Amino acid sequence: MSKGEHLGELEELILMITGSLIDNAYAVSVMDELKASTGRSINVSAVHAVMKRLETKGFLRSHVGGATNERGGRSKRMYVITAEGKKALQDSMDIRVDLYKKIPGFSLNYSGS
């Protein structure tokens, strides 16, 4: 994985969340899911910055959605994960699994919390 393809922790989390939200991924929904899933609070401008960076890397694609009344007629920028984004997540997971396997006594039979 080259430097431009490397995912930082927050990038990886936001990329996974965006992929999981399918057709409802925009900065506020990603921010809310990040808080719900990890307990981690970040502001919406930080989410925007990370999503823009992921789009520049080719891991996300965006389009402007329709204007809504609840947003005062403003549109949302909607994001979807790309094939390159899915590959980056797969590569990241493969590296982590390989490293976990090297830890003596560590079990990969993880069922979550």
N, C-alpha and C. Protein backbone atom coordinates (compact mmCIF):
# COMPACT_ATOMS: atom_id res chain seq x y z
N MET A 1 0.86 -1.18 0.00
CA MET A 1 0.00 0.00 0.00
C MET A 1 0.90 1.24 0.00
N SER A 2 0.73 2.10 -0.96
CA SER A 2 1.56 3.30 -1.04
C SER A 2 1.06 4.34 -0.04
N LYS A 3 1.87 5.37 0.18
CA LYS A 3 1.52 6.38 1.18
C LYS A 3 0.16 7.02 0.90
N GLY A 4 -0.14 7.32 -0.36
CA GLY A 4 -1.41 7.95 -0.70
C GLY A 4 -2.60 7.04 -0.47
N GLU A 5 -2.36 5.72 -0.41
CA GLU A 5 -3.43 4.77 -0.19
C GLU A 5 -3.59 4.40 1.28
N HIS A 6 -2.63 4.79 2.12
CA HIS A 6 -2.69 4.47 3.54
C HIS A 6 -3.90 5.13 4.18
N LEU A 7 -4.57 4.40 5.05
CA LEU A 7 -5.71 4.94 5.78
C LEU A 7 -5.33 5.20 7.22
N GLY A 8 -5.55 6.42 7.67
CA GLY A 8 -5.42 6.72 9.08
C GLY A 8 -6.62 6.15 9.81
N GLU A 9 -6.55 6.10 11.14
CA GLU A 9 -7.63 5.51 11.92
C GLU A 9 -8.97 6.18 11.65
N LEU A 10 -9.02 7.50 11.70
CA LEU A 10 -10.27 8.22 11.48
C LEU A 10 -10.75 8.03 10.05
N GLU A 11 -9.84 8.05 9.09
CA GLU A 11 -10.23 7.81 7.70
C GLU A 11 -10.86 6.43 7.55
N GLU A 12 -10.24 5.44 8.18
CA GLU A 12 -10.76 4.07 8.08
C GLU A 12 -12.16 3.98 8.69
N LEU A 13 -12.35 4.57 9.86
CA LEU A 13 -13.67 4.56 10.49
C LEU A 13 -14.71 5.25 9.63
N ILE A 14 -14.38 6.41 9.11
CA ILE A 14 -15.34 7.16 8.28
C ILE A 14 -15.63 6.43 6.98
N LEU A 15 -14.63 5.78 6.41
CA LEU A 15 -14.84 5.01 5.19
C LEU A 15 -15.77 3.82 5.47
N MET A 16 -15.55 3.12 6.58
CA MET A 16 -16.42 2.00 6.93
C MET A 16 -17.86 2.47 7.19
N ILE A 17 -17.99 3.56 7.91
CA ILE A 17 -19.32 4.09 8.22
C ILE A 17 -20.02 4.52 6.93
N THR A 18 -19.32 5.19 6.06
CA THR A 18 -19.91 5.62 4.79
C THR A 18 -20.40 4.42 4.00
N GLY A 19 -19.59 3.37 3.95
CA GLY A 19 -20.01 2.15 3.26
C GLY A 19 -21.23 1.52 3.89
N SER A 20 -21.32 1.57 5.21
CA SER A 20 -22.45 0.93 5.90
C SER A 20 -23.74 1.74 5.79
N LEU A 21 -23.63 3.03 5.59
CA LEU A 21 -24.83 3.88 5.49
C LEU A 21 -25.47 3.85 4.09
N ILE A 22 -24.80 3.23 3.17
CA ILE A 22 -25.27 3.01 1.80
C ILE A 22 -25.73 4.32 1.16
N ASP A 23 -27.03 4.55 1.03
CA ASP A 23 -27.53 5.73 0.32
C ASP A 23 -27.83 6.90 1.25
N ASN A 24 -27.38 6.84 2.49
CA ASN A 24 -27.69 7.90 3.44
C ASN A 24 -26.42 8.46 4.10
N ALA A 25 -25.31 8.45 3.36
CA ALA A 25 -24.05 8.91 3.93
C ALA A 25 -23.78 10.35 3.54
N TYR A 26 -23.90 11.23 4.51
CA TYR A 26 -23.50 12.63 4.37
C TYR A 26 -22.84 12.99 5.70
N ALA A 27 -22.20 14.13 5.76
CA ALA A 27 -21.34 14.43 6.91
C ALA A 27 -22.03 14.28 8.26
N VAL A 28 -23.25 14.78 8.40
CA VAL A 28 -23.93 14.71 9.69
C VAL A 28 -24.30 13.27 10.04
N SER A 29 -24.78 12.49 9.07
CA SER A 29 -25.14 11.10 9.38
C SER A 29 -23.90 10.29 9.73
N VAL A 30 -22.78 10.58 9.07
CA VAL A 30 -21.52 9.90 9.39
C VAL A 30 -21.05 10.29 10.78
N MET A 31 -21.12 11.57 11.10
CA MET A 31 -20.73 12.06 12.42
C MET A 31 -21.58 11.40 13.51
N ASP A 32 -22.89 11.31 13.29
CA ASP A 32 -23.79 10.69 14.26
C ASP A 32 -23.48 9.21 14.44
N GLU A 33 -23.22 8.50 13.34
CA GLU A 33 -22.93 7.07 13.42
C GLU A 33 -21.57 6.83 14.09
N LEU A 34 -20.61 7.70 13.85
CA LEU A 34 -19.31 7.59 14.51
C LEU A 34 -19.49 7.68 16.02
N LYS A 35 -20.29 8.63 16.46
CA LYS A 35 -20.57 8.79 17.90
C LYS A 35 -21.29 7.56 18.44
N ALA A 36 -22.30 7.08 17.73
CA ALA A 36 -23.08 5.93 18.19
C ALA A 36 -22.24 4.65 18.24
N SER A 37 -21.37 4.48 17.26
CA SER A 37 -20.60 3.23 17.16
C SER A 37 -19.35 3.20 18.02
N THR A 38 -18.73 4.37 18.21
CA THR A 38 -17.44 4.40 18.90
C THR A 38 -17.44 5.25 20.16
N GLY A 39 -18.46 6.08 20.34
CA GLY A 39 -18.47 7.01 21.46
C GLY A 39 -17.60 8.22 21.20
N ARG A 40 -17.05 8.31 20.03
CA ARG A 40 -16.11 9.38 19.67
C ARG A 40 -16.86 10.55 19.05
N SER A 41 -16.68 11.73 19.62
CA SER A 41 -17.32 12.94 19.11
C SER A 41 -16.31 13.79 18.35
N ILE A 42 -16.66 14.11 17.12
CA ILE A 42 -15.87 15.08 16.36
C ILE A 42 -16.85 16.03 15.70
N ASN A 43 -16.37 17.20 15.33
CA ASN A 43 -17.28 18.17 14.73
C ASN A 43 -17.48 17.89 13.25
N VAL A 44 -18.55 18.44 12.72
CA VAL A 44 -18.93 18.16 11.34
C VAL A 44 -17.89 18.67 10.34
N SER A 45 -17.19 19.73 10.66
CA SER A 45 -16.18 20.23 9.73
C SER A 45 -15.01 19.25 9.62
N ALA A 46 -14.69 18.55 10.71
CA ALA A 46 -13.64 17.52 10.65
C ALA A 46 -14.09 16.36 9.78
N VAL A 47 -15.36 15.97 9.89
CA VAL A 47 -15.90 14.89 9.05
C VAL A 47 -15.84 15.32 7.59
N HIS A 48 -16.26 16.55 7.30
CA HIS A 48 -16.18 17.07 5.92
C HIS A 48 -14.75 16.97 5.38
N ALA A 49 -13.79 17.37 6.19
CA ALA A 49 -12.39 17.36 5.75
C ALA A 49 -11.91 15.95 5.43
N VAL A 50 -12.25 14.99 6.29
CA VAL A 50 -11.84 13.61 6.06
C VAL A 50 -12.53 13.05 4.82
N MET A 51 -13.82 13.32 4.67
CA MET A 51 -14.55 12.80 3.51
C MET A 51 -14.01 13.39 2.21
N LYS A 52 -13.65 14.66 2.23
CA LYS A 52 -13.06 15.27 1.04
C LYS A 52 -11.71 14.62 0.72
N ARG A 53 -10.91 14.37 1.76
CA ARG A 53 -9.61 13.71 1.57
C ARG A 53 -9.79 12.30 1.00
N LEU A 54 -10.78 11.56 1.51
CA LEU A 54 -11.06 10.22 1.00
C LEU A 54 -11.55 10.28 -0.44
N GLU A 55 -12.28 11.31 -0.79
CA GLU A 55 -12.73 11.47 -2.17
C GLU A 55 -11.54 11.78 -3.08
N THR A 56 -10.62 12.61 -2.62
CA THR A 56 -9.41 12.92 -3.39
C THR A 56 -8.58 11.67 -3.63
N LYS A 57 -8.54 10.79 -2.63
CA LYS A 57 -7.80 9.53 -2.77
C LYS A 57 -8.52 8.54 -3.68
N GLY A 58 -9.77 8.81 -4.02
CA GLY A 58 -10.55 7.92 -4.87
C GLY A 58 -11.32 6.87 -4.12
N PHE A 59 -11.40 6.99 -2.77
CA PHE A 59 -12.07 5.99 -1.95
C PHE A 59 -13.56 6.28 -1.76
N LEU A 60 -13.95 7.52 -1.97
CA LEU A 60 -15.35 7.92 -1.93
C LEU A 60 -15.69 8.69 -3.19
N ARG A 61 -16.97 8.70 -3.52
CA ARG A 61 -17.48 9.51 -4.62
C ARG A 61 -18.67 10.28 -4.05
N SER A 62 -18.88 11.51 -4.49
CA SER A 62 -19.98 12.29 -3.94
C SER A 62 -20.82 12.93 -5.04
N HIS A 63 -22.01 13.30 -4.63
CA HIS A 63 -22.90 14.08 -5.48
C HIS A 63 -23.76 14.94 -4.56
N VAL A 64 -24.31 16.00 -5.11
CA VAL A 64 -25.17 16.88 -4.32
C VAL A 64 -26.59 16.35 -4.43
N GLY A 65 -27.18 16.08 -3.26
CA GLY A 65 -28.56 15.59 -3.21
C GLY A 65 -29.53 16.74 -3.34
N GLY A 66 -30.79 16.43 -3.40
CA GLY A 66 -31.83 17.44 -3.52
C GLY A 66 -31.97 18.28 -2.26
N ALA A 67 -32.46 19.47 -2.43
CA ALA A 67 -32.70 20.38 -1.30
C ALA A 67 -33.87 19.86 -0.48
N THR A 68 -33.80 20.09 0.83
CA THR A 68 -34.88 19.64 1.71
C THR A 68 -35.38 20.79 2.56
N ASN A 69 -36.66 20.72 2.94
CA ASN A 69 -37.25 21.77 3.77
C ASN A 69 -36.60 21.85 5.14
N GLU A 70 -36.28 20.66 5.73
CA GLU A 70 -35.70 20.67 7.08
C GLU A 70 -34.31 21.30 7.10
N ARG A 71 -33.68 21.43 5.93
CA ARG A 71 -32.37 22.08 5.85
C ARG A 71 -32.50 23.49 5.28
N GLY A 72 -33.69 24.05 5.32
CA GLY A 72 -33.90 25.41 4.84
C GLY A 72 -33.66 25.54 3.34
N GLY A 73 -33.94 24.47 2.61
CA GLY A 73 -33.77 24.50 1.16
C GLY A 73 -32.35 24.20 0.69
N ARG A 74 -31.44 23.91 1.63
CA ARG A 74 -30.05 23.60 1.24
C ARG A 74 -29.93 22.12 0.88
N SER A 75 -28.98 21.83 0.03
CA SER A 75 -28.72 20.46 -0.40
C SER A 75 -27.68 19.80 0.49
N LYS A 76 -27.65 18.47 0.46
CA LYS A 76 -26.64 17.69 1.17
C LYS A 76 -25.67 17.11 0.15
N ARG A 77 -24.40 17.01 0.52
CA ARG A 77 -23.43 16.29 -0.30
C ARG A 77 -23.45 14.85 0.18
N MET A 78 -23.88 13.95 -0.69
CA MET A 78 -24.02 12.54 -0.38
C MET A 78 -22.78 11.79 -0.87
N TYR A 79 -22.36 10.79 -0.11
CA TYR A 79 -21.15 10.03 -0.43
C TYR A 79 -21.46 8.55 -0.56
N VAL A 80 -20.72 7.89 -1.44
CA VAL A 80 -20.75 6.43 -1.56
C VAL A 80 -19.31 5.94 -1.63
N ILE A 81 -19.10 4.73 -1.12
CA ILE A 81 -17.77 4.14 -1.17
C ILE A 81 -17.53 3.60 -2.59
N THR A 82 -16.32 3.73 -3.07
CA THR A 82 -15.96 3.24 -4.40
C THR A 82 -15.33 1.85 -4.28
N ALA A 83 -15.12 1.22 -5.43
CA ALA A 83 -14.42 -0.07 -5.44
C ALA A 83 -13.02 0.09 -4.85
N GLU A 84 -12.37 1.22 -5.14
CA GLU A 84 -11.04 1.47 -4.57
C GLU A 84 -11.10 1.62 -3.06
N GLY A 85 -12.17 2.23 -2.56
CA GLY A 85 -12.36 2.37 -1.12
C GLY A 85 -12.57 1.02 -0.46
N LYS A 86 -13.36 0.15 -1.09
CA LYS A 86 -13.57 -1.18 -0.55
C LYS A 86 -12.26 -1.97 -0.54
N LYS A 87 -11.47 -1.80 -1.59
CA LYS A 87 -10.17 -2.49 -1.65
C LYS A 87 -9.25 -1.98 -0.55
N ALA A 88 -9.23 -0.67 -0.31
CA ALA A 88 -8.39 -0.11 0.75
C ALA A 88 -8.80 -0.67 2.11
N LEU A 89 -10.11 -0.81 2.35
CA LEU A 89 -10.57 -1.40 3.61
C LEU A 89 -10.17 -2.87 3.70
N GLN A 90 -10.29 -3.59 2.61
CA GLN A 90 -9.91 -5.01 2.60
C GLN A 90 -8.42 -5.16 2.89
N ASP A 91 -7.61 -4.32 2.22
CA ASP A 91 -6.16 -4.36 2.45
C ASP A 91 -5.82 -4.06 3.90
N SER A 92 -6.49 -3.07 4.47
CA SER A 92 -6.26 -2.70 5.86
C SER A 92 -6.64 -3.84 6.80
N MET A 93 -7.79 -4.47 6.53
CA MET A 93 -8.22 -5.58 7.35
C MET A 93 -7.26 -6.76 7.23
N ASP A 94 -6.79 -7.04 6.02
CA ASP A 94 -5.85 -8.15 5.82
C ASP A 94 -4.57 -7.94 6.62
N ILE A 95 -4.06 -6.71 6.61
CA ILE A 95 -2.85 -6.40 7.38
C ILE A 95 -3.10 -6.62 8.86
N ARG A 96 -4.22 -6.12 9.37
CA ARG A 96 -4.54 -6.26 10.79
C ARG A 96 -4.68 -7.73 11.19
N VAL A 97 -5.39 -8.51 10.38
CA VAL A 97 -5.58 -9.93 10.69
C VAL A 97 -4.24 -10.64 10.71
N ASP A 98 -3.38 -10.36 9.72
CA ASP A 98 -2.06 -10.98 9.69
C ASP A 98 -1.25 -10.64 10.94
N LEU A 99 -1.34 -9.39 11.39
CA LEU A 99 -0.62 -8.99 12.59
C LEU A 99 -1.22 -9.62 13.84
N TYR A 100 -2.57 -9.67 13.94
CA TYR A 100 -3.20 -10.32 15.08
C TYR A 100 -2.78 -11.77 15.19
N LYS A 101 -2.67 -12.45 14.06
CA LYS A 101 -2.29 -13.87 14.05
C LYS A 101 -0.89 -14.09 14.62
N LYS A 102 -0.06 -13.06 14.61
CA LYS A 102 1.30 -13.17 15.12
C LYS A 102 1.38 -13.00 16.64
N ILE A 103 0.30 -12.59 17.27
CA ILE A 103 0.30 -12.38 18.72
C ILE A 103 0.01 -13.72 19.39
N PRO A 104 0.99 -14.24 20.17
CA PRO A 104 0.78 -15.53 20.83
C PRO A 104 -0.46 -15.51 21.73
N GLY A 105 -1.29 -16.52 21.59
CA GLY A 105 -2.46 -16.66 22.44
C GLY A 105 -3.62 -15.75 22.09
N PHE A 106 -3.50 -15.00 21.02
CA PHE A 106 -4.57 -14.10 20.61
C PHE A 106 -5.57 -14.84 19.73
N SER A 107 -6.84 -14.78 20.05
CA SER A 107 -7.86 -15.48 19.28
C SER A 107 -8.57 -14.51 18.35
N LEU A 108 -8.76 -14.91 17.11
CA LEU A 108 -9.52 -14.11 16.16
C LEU A 108 -10.99 -14.48 16.17
N ASN A 109 -11.41 -15.29 17.10
CA ASN A 109 -12.82 -15.66 17.24
C ASN A 109 -13.55 -14.58 18.01
N TYR A 110 -13.59 -13.39 17.44
CA TYR A 110 -14.16 -12.22 18.09
C TYR A 110 -15.61 -12.08 17.66
N SER A 111 -16.50 -11.97 18.64
CA SER A 111 -17.91 -11.83 18.31
C SER A 111 -18.43 -10.43 18.61
N GLY A 112 -17.55 -9.53 18.99
CA GLY A 112 -17.97 -8.16 19.30
C GLY A 112 -18.36 -8.00 20.75
N SER A 113 -18.78 -6.78 21.07
CA SER A 113 -19.14 -6.50 22.47
C SER A 113 -20.59 -6.66 22.73
